[in-house]
Amino acid sequence: MSRNILIKPIISEKAELLSDKLQQYTFMVDRNANKIEIRKAVEKMYNVSVASVNTLVIPGKTKKRFTRAGVQTGRVSPYKKAIITLSDGETIDFFGDL
């Protein structure tokens, strides 16, 4: 694989609830990656079997910041998110030895 498909896991309150109840894990992935490439990357990196992959593109948002010099406007980059469902009895431990 020439490019890095899995960028980082998304650790949020909603993502933790999904992983505890439904064995679903959320990752930020490359914008050009498809479901087959994402499945292979997760299986290779974490040594688990993937049941399904759902993807969605989160659009970029405009942010404003009020400073002494005036209003500063910027934009948060859009990204692609993948929700991975694992087979029964499989888990991914992101925190390891903590």
PDB file of N, CA and C in Angstrom:
ATOM      1  N   MET A   1       0.844  -1.183   0.000  1.00  0.00           N
ATOM      2  CA  MET A   1       0.000   0.000   0.000  1.00  0.00           C
ATOM      3  C   MET A   1       0.884   1.238   0.000  1.00  0.00           C
ATOM      4  N   SER A   2       0.768   2.019  -1.033  1.00  0.00           N
ATOM      5  CA  SER A   2       1.654   3.161  -1.171  1.00  0.00           C
ATOM      6  C   SER A   2       1.245   4.332  -0.294  1.00  0.00           C
ATOM      7  N   ARG A   3      -0.043   4.437   0.026  1.00  0.00           N
ATOM      8  CA  ARG A   3      -0.452   5.562   0.862  1.00  0.00           C
ATOM      9  C   ARG A   3      -0.982   5.055   2.195  1.00  0.00           C
ATOM     10  N   ASN A   4      -1.037   5.951   3.155  1.00  0.00           N
ATOM     11  CA  ASN A   4      -1.514   5.610   4.480  1.00  0.00           C
ATOM     12  C   ASN A   4      -3.036   5.708   4.475  1.00  0.00           C
ATOM     13  N   ILE A   5      -3.736   4.589   4.546  1.00  0.00           N
ATOM     14  CA  ILE A   5      -5.191   4.583   4.459  1.00  0.00           C
ATOM     15  C   ILE A   5      -5.816   4.984   5.784  1.00  0.00           C
ATOM     16  N   LEU A   6      -5.384   4.355   6.883  1.00  0.00           N
ATOM     17  CA  LEU A   6      -5.912   4.702   8.205  1.00  0.00           C
ATOM     18  C   LEU A   6      -5.106   5.867   8.764  1.00  0.00           C
ATOM     19  N   ILE A   7      -5.749   7.009   8.961  1.00  0.00           N
ATOM     20  CA  ILE A   7      -5.043   8.169   9.480  1.00  0.00           C
ATOM     21  C   ILE A   7      -4.990   8.116  10.998  1.00  0.00           C
ATOM     22  N   LYS A   8      -6.162   7.986  11.647  1.00  0.00           N
ATOM     23  CA  LYS A   8      -6.191   7.883  13.104  1.00  0.00           C
ATOM     24  C   LYS A   8      -7.557   7.378  13.539  1.00  0.00           C
ATOM     25  N   PRO A   9      -7.622   6.736  14.712  1.00  0.00           N
ATOM     26  CA  PRO A   9      -8.934   6.365  15.249  1.00  0.00           C
ATOM     27  C   PRO A   9      -9.613   7.587  15.841  1.00  0.00           C
ATOM     28  N   ILE A  10     -10.924   7.627  15.765  1.00  0.00           N
ATOM     29  CA  ILE A  10     -11.685   8.729  16.346  1.00  0.00           C
ATOM     30  C   ILE A  10     -12.163   8.275  17.715  1.00  0.00           C
ATOM     31  N   ILE A  11     -11.683   8.964  18.749  1.00  0.00           N
ATOM     32  CA  ILE A  11     -12.039   8.642  20.126  1.00  0.00           C
ATOM     33  C   ILE A  11     -12.960   9.748  20.631  1.00  0.00           C
ATOM     34  N   SER A  12     -14.251   9.473  20.628  1.00  0.00           N
ATOM     35  CA  SER A  12     -15.233  10.433  21.133  1.00  0.00           C
ATOM     36  C   SER A  12     -16.247   9.668  21.973  1.00  0.00           C
ATOM     37  N   GLU A  13     -17.146  10.385  22.599  1.00  0.00           N
ATOM     38  CA  GLU A  13     -18.140   9.740  23.442  1.00  0.00           C
ATOM     39  C   GLU A  13     -19.042   8.823  22.619  1.00  0.00           C
ATOM     40  N   LYS A  14     -19.471   9.290  21.464  1.00  0.00           N
ATOM     41  CA  LYS A  14     -20.322   8.474  20.601  1.00  0.00           C
ATOM     42  C   LYS A  14     -19.568   7.252  20.076  1.00  0.00           C
ATOM     43  N   ALA A  15     -18.309   7.434  19.691  1.00  0.00           N
ATOM     44  CA  ALA A  15     -17.518   6.320  19.182  1.00  0.00           C
ATOM     45  C   ALA A  15     -17.281   5.270  20.266  1.00  0.00           C
ATOM     46  N   GLU A  16     -17.093   5.694  21.508  1.00  0.00           N
ATOM     47  CA  GLU A  16     -16.917   4.746  22.615  1.00  0.00           C
ATOM     48  C   GLU A  16     -18.189   3.954  22.877  1.00  0.00           C
ATOM     49  N   LEU A  17     -19.355   4.599  22.777  1.00  0.00           N
ATOM     50  CA  LEU A  17     -20.614   3.881  22.949  1.00  0.00           C
ATOM     51  C   LEU A  17     -20.803   2.836  21.855  1.00  0.00           C
ATOM     52  N   LEU A  18     -20.450   3.185  20.613  1.00  0.00           N
ATOM     53  CA  LEU A  18     -20.552   2.231  19.507  1.00  0.00           C
ATOM     54  C   LEU A  18     -19.629   1.030  19.721  1.00  0.00           C
ATOM     55  N   SER A  19     -18.415   1.288  20.210  1.00  0.00           N
ATOM     56  CA  SER A  19     -17.478   0.180  20.389  1.00  0.00           C
ATOM     57  C   SER A  19     -17.890  -0.718  21.551  1.00  0.00           C
ATOM     58  N   ASP A  20     -18.472  -0.153  22.616  1.00  0.00           N
ATOM     59  CA  ASP A  20     -18.895  -0.959  23.754  1.00  0.00           C
ATOM     60  C   ASP A  20     -20.109  -1.812  23.436  1.00  0.00           C
ATOM     61  N   LYS A  21     -21.086  -1.253  22.748  1.00  0.00           N
ATOM     62  CA  LYS A  21     -22.358  -1.953  22.549  1.00  0.00           C
ATOM     63  C   LYS A  21     -22.420  -2.763  21.254  1.00  0.00           C
ATOM     64  N   LEU A  22     -21.883  -2.228  20.169  1.00  0.00           N
ATOM     65  CA  LEU A  22     -22.098  -2.833  18.854  1.00  0.00           C
ATOM     66  C   LEU A  22     -20.838  -3.355  18.180  1.00  0.00           C
ATOM     67  N   GLN A  23     -19.692  -3.303  18.850  1.00  0.00           N
ATOM     68  CA  GLN A  23     -18.406  -3.705  18.270  1.00  0.00           C
ATOM     69  C   GLN A  23     -18.106  -2.940  16.989  1.00  0.00           C
ATOM     70  N   GLN A  24     -18.399  -1.618  16.987  1.00  0.00           N
ATOM     71  CA  GLN A  24     -18.101  -0.771  15.845  1.00  0.00           C
ATOM     72  C   GLN A  24     -17.024   0.230  16.255  1.00  0.00           C
ATOM     73  N   TYR A  25     -16.029   0.397  15.404  1.00  0.00           N
ATOM     74  CA  TYR A  25     -14.914   1.296  15.673  1.00  0.00           C
ATOM     75  C   TYR A  25     -14.839   2.323  14.557  1.00  0.00           C
ATOM     76  N   THR A  26     -14.486   3.549  14.924  1.00  0.00           N
ATOM     77  CA  THR A  26     -14.508   4.670  13.991  1.00  0.00           C
ATOM     78  C   THR A  26     -13.081   5.137  13.696  1.00  0.00           C
ATOM     79  N   PHE A  27     -12.778   5.344  12.420  1.00  0.00           N
ATOM     80  CA  PHE A  27     -11.459   5.784  11.985  1.00  0.00           C
ATOM     81  C   PHE A  27     -11.594   6.962  11.023  1.00  0.00           C
ATOM     82  N   MET A  28     -10.614   7.862  11.070  1.00  0.00           N
ATOM     83  CA  MET A  28     -10.461   8.865  10.027  1.00  0.00           C
ATOM     84  C   MET A  28      -9.578   8.218   8.966  1.00  0.00           C
ATOM     85  N   VAL A  29     -10.043   8.230   7.715  1.00  0.00           N
ATOM     86  CA  VAL A  29      -9.333   7.529   6.644  1.00  0.00           C
ATOM     87  C   VAL A  29      -9.017   8.491   5.494  1.00  0.00           C
ATOM     88  N   ASP A  30      -8.200   8.020   4.575  1.00  0.00           N
ATOM     89  CA  ASP A  30      -7.836   8.791   3.387  1.00  0.00           C
ATOM     90  C   ASP A  30      -9.077   9.049   2.538  1.00  0.00           C
ATOM     91  N   ARG A  31      -9.177  10.245   1.972  1.00  0.00           N
ATOM     92  CA  ARG A  31     -10.369  10.626   1.197  1.00  0.00           C
ATOM     93  C   ARG A  31     -10.578   9.752  -0.034  1.00  0.00           C
ATOM     94  N   ASN A  32      -9.503   9.207  -0.596  1.00  0.00           N
ATOM     95  CA  ASN A  32      -9.606   8.422  -1.824  1.00  0.00           C
ATOM     96  C   ASN A  32      -9.704   6.918  -1.583  1.00  0.00           C
ATOM     97  N   ALA A  33      -9.698   6.481  -0.321  1.00  0.00           N
ATOM     98  CA  ALA A  33      -9.743   5.051  -0.012  1.00  0.00           C
ATOM     99  C   ALA A  33     -11.161   4.524  -0.173  1.00  0.00           C
ATOM    100  N   ASN A  34     -11.276   3.312  -0.703  1.00  0.00           N
ATOM    101  CA  ASN A  34     -12.592   2.687  -0.816  1.00  0.00           C
ATOM    102  C   ASN A  34     -12.773   1.663   0.305  1.00  0.00           C
ATOM    103  N   LYS A  35     -13.945   1.045   0.373  1.00  0.00           N
ATOM    104  CA  LYS A  35     -14.271   0.152   1.478  1.00  0.00           C
ATOM    105  C   LYS A  35     -13.381  -1.094   1.503  1.00  0.00           C
ATOM    106  N   ILE A  36     -13.018  -1.589   0.341  1.00  0.00           N
ATOM    107  CA  ILE A  36     -12.182  -2.786   0.280  1.00  0.00           C
ATOM    108  C   ILE A  36     -10.785  -2.492   0.827  1.00  0.00           C
ATOM    109  N   GLU A  37     -10.216  -1.358   0.448  1.00  0.00           N
ATOM    110  CA  GLU A  37      -8.896  -0.977   0.948  1.00  0.00           C
ATOM    111  C   GLU A  37      -8.927  -0.734   2.453  1.00  0.00           C
ATOM    112  N   ILE A  38     -10.001  -0.117   2.946  1.00  0.00           N
ATOM    113  CA  ILE A  38     -10.129   0.149   4.383  1.00  0.00           C
ATOM    114  C   ILE A  38     -10.220  -1.165   5.141  1.00  0.00           C
ATOM    115  N   ARG A  39     -11.003  -2.109   4.634  1.00  0.00           N
ATOM    116  CA  ARG A  39     -11.144  -3.431   5.273  1.00  0.00           C
ATOM    117  C   ARG A  39      -9.785  -4.127   5.374  1.00  0.00           C
ATOM    118  N   LYS A  40      -9.029  -4.145   4.280  1.00  0.00           N
ATOM    119  CA  LYS A  40      -7.726  -4.818   4.272  1.00  0.00           C
ATOM    120  C   LYS A  40      -6.747  -4.142   5.233  1.00  0.00           C
ATOM    121  N   ALA A  41      -6.783  -2.805   5.298  1.00  0.00           N
ATOM    122  CA  ALA A  41      -5.870  -2.081   6.180  1.00  0.00           C
ATOM    123  C   ALA A  41      -6.168  -2.364   7.649  1.00  0.00           C
ATOM    124  N   VAL A  42      -7.450  -2.411   8.028  1.00  0.00           N
ATOM    125  CA  VAL A  42      -7.810  -2.691   9.419  1.00  0.00           C
ATOM    126  C   VAL A  42      -7.457  -4.123   9.785  1.00  0.00           C
ATOM    127  N   GLU A  43      -7.750  -5.065   8.899  1.00  0.00           N
ATOM    128  CA  GLU A  43      -7.433  -6.458   9.177  1.00  0.00           C
ATOM    129  C   GLU A  43      -5.930  -6.682   9.318  1.00  0.00           C
ATOM    130  N   LYS A  44      -5.141  -5.989   8.507  1.00  0.00           N
ATOM    131  CA  LYS A  44      -3.692  -6.138   8.575  1.00  0.00           C
ATOM    132  C   LYS A  44      -3.113  -5.481   9.820  1.00  0.00           C
ATOM    133  N   MET A  45      -3.588  -4.283  10.166  1.00  0.00           N
ATOM    134  CA  MET A  45      -3.003  -3.540  11.278  1.00  0.00           C
ATOM    135  C   MET A  45      -3.394  -4.108  12.643  1.00  0.00           C
ATOM    136  N   TYR A  46      -4.640  -4.534  12.807  1.00  0.00           N
ATOM    137  CA  TYR A  46      -5.126  -4.951  14.125  1.00  0.00           C
ATOM    138  C   TYR A  46      -5.360  -6.455  14.247  1.00  0.00           C
ATOM    139  N   ASN A  47      -5.134  -7.237  13.204  1.00  0.00           N
ATOM    140  CA  ASN A  47      -5.302  -8.697  13.218  1.00  0.00           C
ATOM    141  C   ASN A  47      -6.694  -9.111  13.694  1.00  0.00           C
ATOM    142  N   VAL A  48      -7.719  -8.534  13.085  1.00  0.00           N
ATOM    143  CA  VAL A  48      -9.116  -8.859  13.381  1.00  0.00           C
ATOM    144  C   VAL A  48      -9.828  -9.144  12.066  1.00  0.00           C
ATOM    145  N   SER A  49     -11.019  -9.729  12.160  1.00  0.00           N
ATOM    146  CA  SER A  49     -11.820  -9.941  10.949  1.00  0.00           C
ATOM    147  C   SER A  49     -12.950  -8.922  10.930  1.00  0.00           C
ATOM    148  N   VAL A  50     -13.101  -8.245   9.818  1.00  0.00           N
ATOM    149  CA  VAL A  50     -14.063  -7.161   9.663  1.00  0.00           C
ATOM    150  C   VAL A  50     -15.337  -7.716   9.037  1.00  0.00           C
ATOM    151  N   ALA A  51     -16.483  -7.409   9.669  1.00  0.00           N
ATOM    152  CA  ALA A  51     -17.764  -7.857   9.134  1.00  0.00           C
ATOM    153  C   ALA A  51     -18.288  -6.886   8.079  1.00  0.00           C
ATOM    154  N   SER A  52     -18.217  -5.567   8.358  1.00  0.00           N
ATOM    155  CA  SER A  52     -18.697  -4.588   7.380  1.00  0.00           C
ATOM    156  C   SER A  52     -17.982  -3.258   7.571  1.00  0.00           C
ATOM    157  N   VAL A  53     -18.025  -2.431   6.522  1.00  0.00           N
ATOM    158  CA  VAL A  53     -17.420  -1.100   6.524  1.00  0.00           C
ATOM    159  C   VAL A  53     -18.445  -0.106   6.010  1.00  0.00           C
ATOM    160  N   ASN A  54     -18.714   0.930   6.784  1.00  0.00           N
ATOM    161  CA  ASN A  54     -19.569   2.037   6.344  1.00  0.00           C
ATOM    162  C   ASN A  54     -18.711   3.298   6.301  1.00  0.00           C
ATOM    163  N   THR A  55     -18.869   4.097   5.234  1.00  0.00           N
ATOM    164  CA  THR A  55     -18.075   5.311   5.096  1.00  0.00           C
ATOM    165  C   THR A  55     -18.983   6.519   4.932  1.00  0.00           C
ATOM    166  N   LEU A  56     -18.469   7.677   5.345  1.00  0.00           N
ATOM    167  CA  LEU A  56     -19.166   8.933   5.127  1.00  0.00           C
ATOM    168  C   LEU A  56     -18.137  10.047   5.064  1.00  0.00           C
ATOM    169  N   VAL A  57     -18.451  11.087   4.301  1.00  0.00           N
ATOM    170  CA  VAL A  57     -17.571  12.233   4.159  1.00  0.00           C
ATOM    171  C   VAL A  57     -18.137  13.366   5.000  1.00  0.00           C
ATOM    172  N   ILE A  58     -17.336  13.843   5.948  1.00  0.00           N
ATOM    173  CA  ILE A  58     -17.720  14.955   6.810  1.00  0.00           C
ATOM    174  C   ILE A  58     -17.307  16.244   6.094  1.00  0.00           C
ATOM    175  N   PRO A  59     -18.256  17.138   5.791  1.00  0.00           N
ATOM    176  CA  PRO A  59     -17.891  18.354   5.059  1.00  0.00           C
ATOM    177  C   PRO A  59     -17.097  19.327   5.936  1.00  0.00           C
ATOM    178  N   GLY A  60     -16.300  20.160   5.282  1.00  0.00           N
ATOM    179  CA  GLY A  60     -15.544  21.179   5.993  1.00  0.00           C
ATOM    180  C   GLY A  60     -16.471  22.263   6.515  1.00  0.00           C
ATOM    181  N   LYS A  61     -16.099  22.854   7.640  1.00  0.00           N
ATOM    182  CA  LYS A  61     -16.935  23.883   8.251  1.00  0.00           C
ATOM    183  C   LYS A  61     -16.163  25.185   8.362  1.00  0.00           C
ATOM    184  N   THR A  62     -16.884  26.288   8.306  1.00  0.00           N
ATOM    185  CA  THR A  62     -16.286  27.603   8.471  1.00  0.00           C
ATOM    186  C   THR A  62     -16.276  27.964   9.942  1.00  0.00           C
ATOM    187  N   LYS A  63     -15.140  28.458  10.420  1.00  0.00           N
ATOM    188  CA  LYS A  63     -14.998  28.856  11.818  1.00  0.00           C
ATOM    189  C   LYS A  63     -14.643  30.332  11.869  1.00  0.00           C
ATOM    190  N   LYS A  64     -15.176  31.031  12.872  1.00  0.00           N
ATOM    191  CA  LYS A  64     -14.853  32.441  13.089  1.00  0.00           C
ATOM    192  C   LYS A  64     -14.245  32.607  14.466  1.00  0.00           C
ATOM    193  N   ARG A  65     -13.274  33.522  14.550  1.00  0.00           N
ATOM    194  CA  ARG A  65     -12.643  33.824  15.821  1.00  0.00           C
ATOM    195  C   ARG A  65     -12.583  35.337  15.956  1.00  0.00           C
ATOM    196  N   PHE A  66     -13.074  35.839  17.079  1.00  0.00           N
ATOM    197  CA  PHE A  66     -13.105  37.273  17.310  1.00  0.00           C
ATOM    198  C   PHE A  66     -11.858  37.672  18.083  1.00  0.00           C
ATOM    199  N   THR A  67     -11.032  38.532  17.462  1.00  0.00           N
ATOM    200  CA  THR A  67      -9.792  38.961  18.079  1.00  0.00           C
ATOM    201  C   THR A  67      -9.758  40.478  18.167  1.00  0.00           C
ATOM    202  N   ARG A  68      -8.719  40.988  18.764  1.00  0.00           N
ATOM    203  CA  ARG A  68      -8.546  42.429  18.883  1.00  0.00           C
ATOM    204  C   ARG A  68      -8.382  43.076  17.503  1.00  0.00           C
ATOM    205  N   ALA A  69      -7.793  42.350  16.576  1.00  0.00           N
ATOM    206  CA  ALA A  69      -7.571  42.874  15.235  1.00  0.00           C
ATOM    207  C   ALA A  69      -8.809  42.757  14.349  1.00  0.00           C
ATOM    208  N   GLY A  70      -9.859  42.080  14.816  1.00  0.00           N
ATOM    209  CA  GLY A  70     -11.070  41.912  14.023  1.00  0.00           C
ATOM    210  C   GLY A  70     -11.467  40.456  13.954  1.00  0.00           C
ATOM    211  N   VAL A  71     -12.376  40.184  13.067  1.00  0.00           N
ATOM    212  CA  VAL A  71     -12.878  38.827  12.925  1.00  0.00           C
ATOM    213  C   VAL A  71     -11.950  38.040  12.000  1.00  0.00           C
ATOM    214  N   GLN A  72     -11.449  36.910  12.488  1.00  0.00           N
ATOM    215  CA  GLN A  72     -10.608  36.027  11.694  1.00  0.00           C
ATOM    216  C   GLN A  72     -11.471  34.850  11.247  1.00  0.00           C
ATOM    217  N   THR A  73     -11.540  34.607   9.961  1.00  0.00           N
ATOM    218  CA  THR A  73     -12.319  33.482   9.456  1.00  0.00           C
ATOM    219  C   THR A  73     -11.378  32.431   8.893  1.00  0.00           C
ATOM    220  N   GLY A  74     -11.773  31.191   9.044  1.00  0.00           N
ATOM    221  CA  GLY A  74     -10.978  30.079   8.545  1.00  0.00           C
ATOM    222  C   GLY A  74     -11.888  28.931   8.189  1.00  0.00           C
ATOM    223  N   ARG A  75     -11.283  27.844   7.797  1.00  0.00           N
ATOM    224  CA  ARG A  75     -12.064  26.690   7.374  1.00  0.00           C
ATOM    225  C   ARG A  75     -11.403  25.425   7.901  1.00  0.00           C
ATOM    226  N   VAL A  76     -12.215  24.522   8.441  1.00  0.00           N
ATOM    227  CA  VAL A  76     -11.751  23.215   8.874  1.00  0.00           C
ATOM    228  C   VAL A  76     -11.852  22.282   7.669  1.00  0.00           C
ATOM    229  N   SER A  77     -10.834  21.498   7.434  1.00  0.00           N
ATOM    230  CA  SER A  77     -10.784  20.625   6.262  1.00  0.00           C
ATOM    231  C   SER A  77     -11.832  19.522   6.334  1.00  0.00           C
ATOM    232  N   PRO A  78     -12.396  19.145   5.198  1.00  0.00           N
ATOM    233  CA  PRO A  78     -13.294  17.979   5.187  1.00  0.00           C
ATOM    234  C   PRO A  78     -12.472  16.696   5.320  1.00  0.00           C
ATOM    235  N   TYR A  79     -13.109  15.642   5.825  1.00  0.00           N
ATOM    236  CA  TYR A  79     -12.423  14.362   5.955  1.00  0.00           C
ATOM    237  C   TYR A  79     -13.402  13.217   5.767  1.00  0.00           C
ATOM    238  N   LYS A  80     -12.860  12.041   5.558  1.00  0.00           N
ATOM    239  CA  LYS A  80     -13.674  10.840   5.378  1.00  0.00           C
ATOM    240  C   LYS A  80     -13.592   9.998   6.648  1.00  0.00           C
ATOM    241  N   LYS A  81     -14.747   9.500   7.082  1.00  0.00           N
ATOM    242  CA  LYS A  81     -14.821   8.704   8.292  1.00  0.00           C
ATOM    243  C   LYS A  81     -15.334   7.317   7.929  1.00  0.00           C
ATOM    244  N   ALA A  82     -14.742   6.296   8.541  1.00  0.00           N
ATOM    245  CA  ALA A  82     -15.160   4.913   8.309  1.00  0.00           C
ATOM    246  C   ALA A  82     -15.574   4.300   9.636  1.00  0.00           C
ATOM    247  N   ILE A  83     -16.741   3.643   9.640  1.00  0.00           N
ATOM    248  CA  ILE A  83     -17.222   2.924  10.812  1.00  0.00           C
ATOM    249  C   ILE A  83     -17.086   1.437  10.500  1.00  0.00           C
ATOM    250  N   ILE A  84     -16.226   0.769  11.272  1.00  0.00           N
ATOM    251  CA  ILE A  84     -15.875  -0.624  11.042  1.00  0.00           C
ATOM    252  C   ILE A  84     -16.651  -1.492  12.027  1.00  0.00           C
ATOM    253  N   THR A  85     -17.371  -2.498  11.534  1.00  0.00           N
ATOM    254  CA  THR A  85     -18.041  -3.465  12.387  1.00  0.00           C
ATOM    255  C   THR A  85     -17.235  -4.754  12.364  1.00  0.00           C
ATOM    256  N   LEU A  86     -16.844  -5.228  13.552  1.00  0.00           N
ATOM    257  CA  LEU A  86     -16.046  -6.441  13.656  1.00  0.00           C
ATOM    258  C   LEU A  86     -16.934  -7.667  13.809  1.00  0.00           C
ATOM    259  N   SER A  87     -16.355  -8.818  13.544  1.00  0.00           N
ATOM    260  CA  SER A  87     -17.069 -10.082  13.744  1.00  0.00           C
ATOM    261  C   SER A  87     -17.284 -10.324  15.229  1.00  0.00           C
ATOM    262  N   ASP A  88     -18.167 -11.266  15.569  1.00  0.00           N
ATOM    263  CA  ASP A  88     -18.494 -11.552  16.962  1.00  0.00           C
ATOM    264  C   ASP A  88     -17.258 -11.995  17.738  1.00  0.00           C
ATOM    265  N   GLY A  89     -17.107 -11.453  18.950  1.00  0.00           N
ATOM    266  CA  GLY A  89     -16.020 -11.843  19.837  1.00  0.00           C
ATOM    267  C   GLY A  89     -14.702 -11.139  19.584  1.00  0.00           C
ATOM    268  N   GLU A  90     -14.617 -10.246  18.632  1.00  0.00           N
ATOM    269  CA  GLU A  90     -13.371  -9.552  18.324  1.00  0.00           C
ATOM    270  C   GLU A  90     -13.420  -8.133  18.864  1.00  0.00           C
ATOM    271  N   THR A  91     -12.283  -7.629  19.338  1.00  0.00           N
ATOM    272  CA  THR A  91     -12.186  -6.256  19.830  1.00  0.00           C
ATOM    273  C   THR A  91     -10.869  -5.654  19.387  1.00  0.00           C
ATOM    274  N   ILE A  92     -10.807  -4.330  19.412  1.00  0.00           N
ATOM    275  CA  ILE A  92      -9.576  -3.590  19.159  1.00  0.00           C
ATOM    276  C   ILE A  92      -9.277  -2.801  20.410  1.00  0.00           C
ATOM    277  N   ASP A  93      -8.038  -2.921  20.919  1.00  0.00           N
ATOM    278  CA  ASP A  93      -7.633  -2.196  22.127  1.00  0.00           C
ATOM    279  C   ASP A  93      -6.732  -1.036  21.701  1.00  0.00           C
ATOM    280  N   PHE A  94      -7.298   0.178  21.683  1.00  0.00           N
ATOM    281  CA  PHE A  94      -6.532   1.360  21.266  1.00  0.00           C
ATOM    282  C   PHE A  94      -5.550   1.812  22.345  1.00  0.00           C
ATOM    283  N   PHE A  95      -5.873   1.582  23.610  1.00  0.00           N
ATOM    284  CA  PHE A  95      -5.108   2.170  24.692  1.00  0.00           C
ATOM    285  C   PHE A  95      -3.994   1.283  25.211  1.00  0.00           C
ATOM    286  N   GLY A  96      -3.984   0.018  24.846  1.00  0.00           N
ATOM    287  CA  GLY A  96      -2.862  -0.872  25.145  1.00  0.00           C
ATOM    288  C   GLY A  96      -2.519  -0.988  26.622  1.00  0.00           C
ATOM    289  N   ASP A  97      -1.347  -0.467  27.008  1.00  0.00           N
ATOM    290  CA  ASP A  97      -0.806  -0.659  28.354  1.00  0.00           C
ATOM    291  C   ASP A  97      -1.168   0.439  29.339  1.00  0.00           C
ATOM    292  N   LEU A  98      -2.104   1.288  29.012  1.00  0.00           N
ATOM    293  CA  LEU A  98      -2.428   2.389  29.914  1.00  0.00           C
ATOM    294  C   LEU A  98      -2.997   1.914  31.173  1.00  0.00           C
TER     295      LEU A  98
END
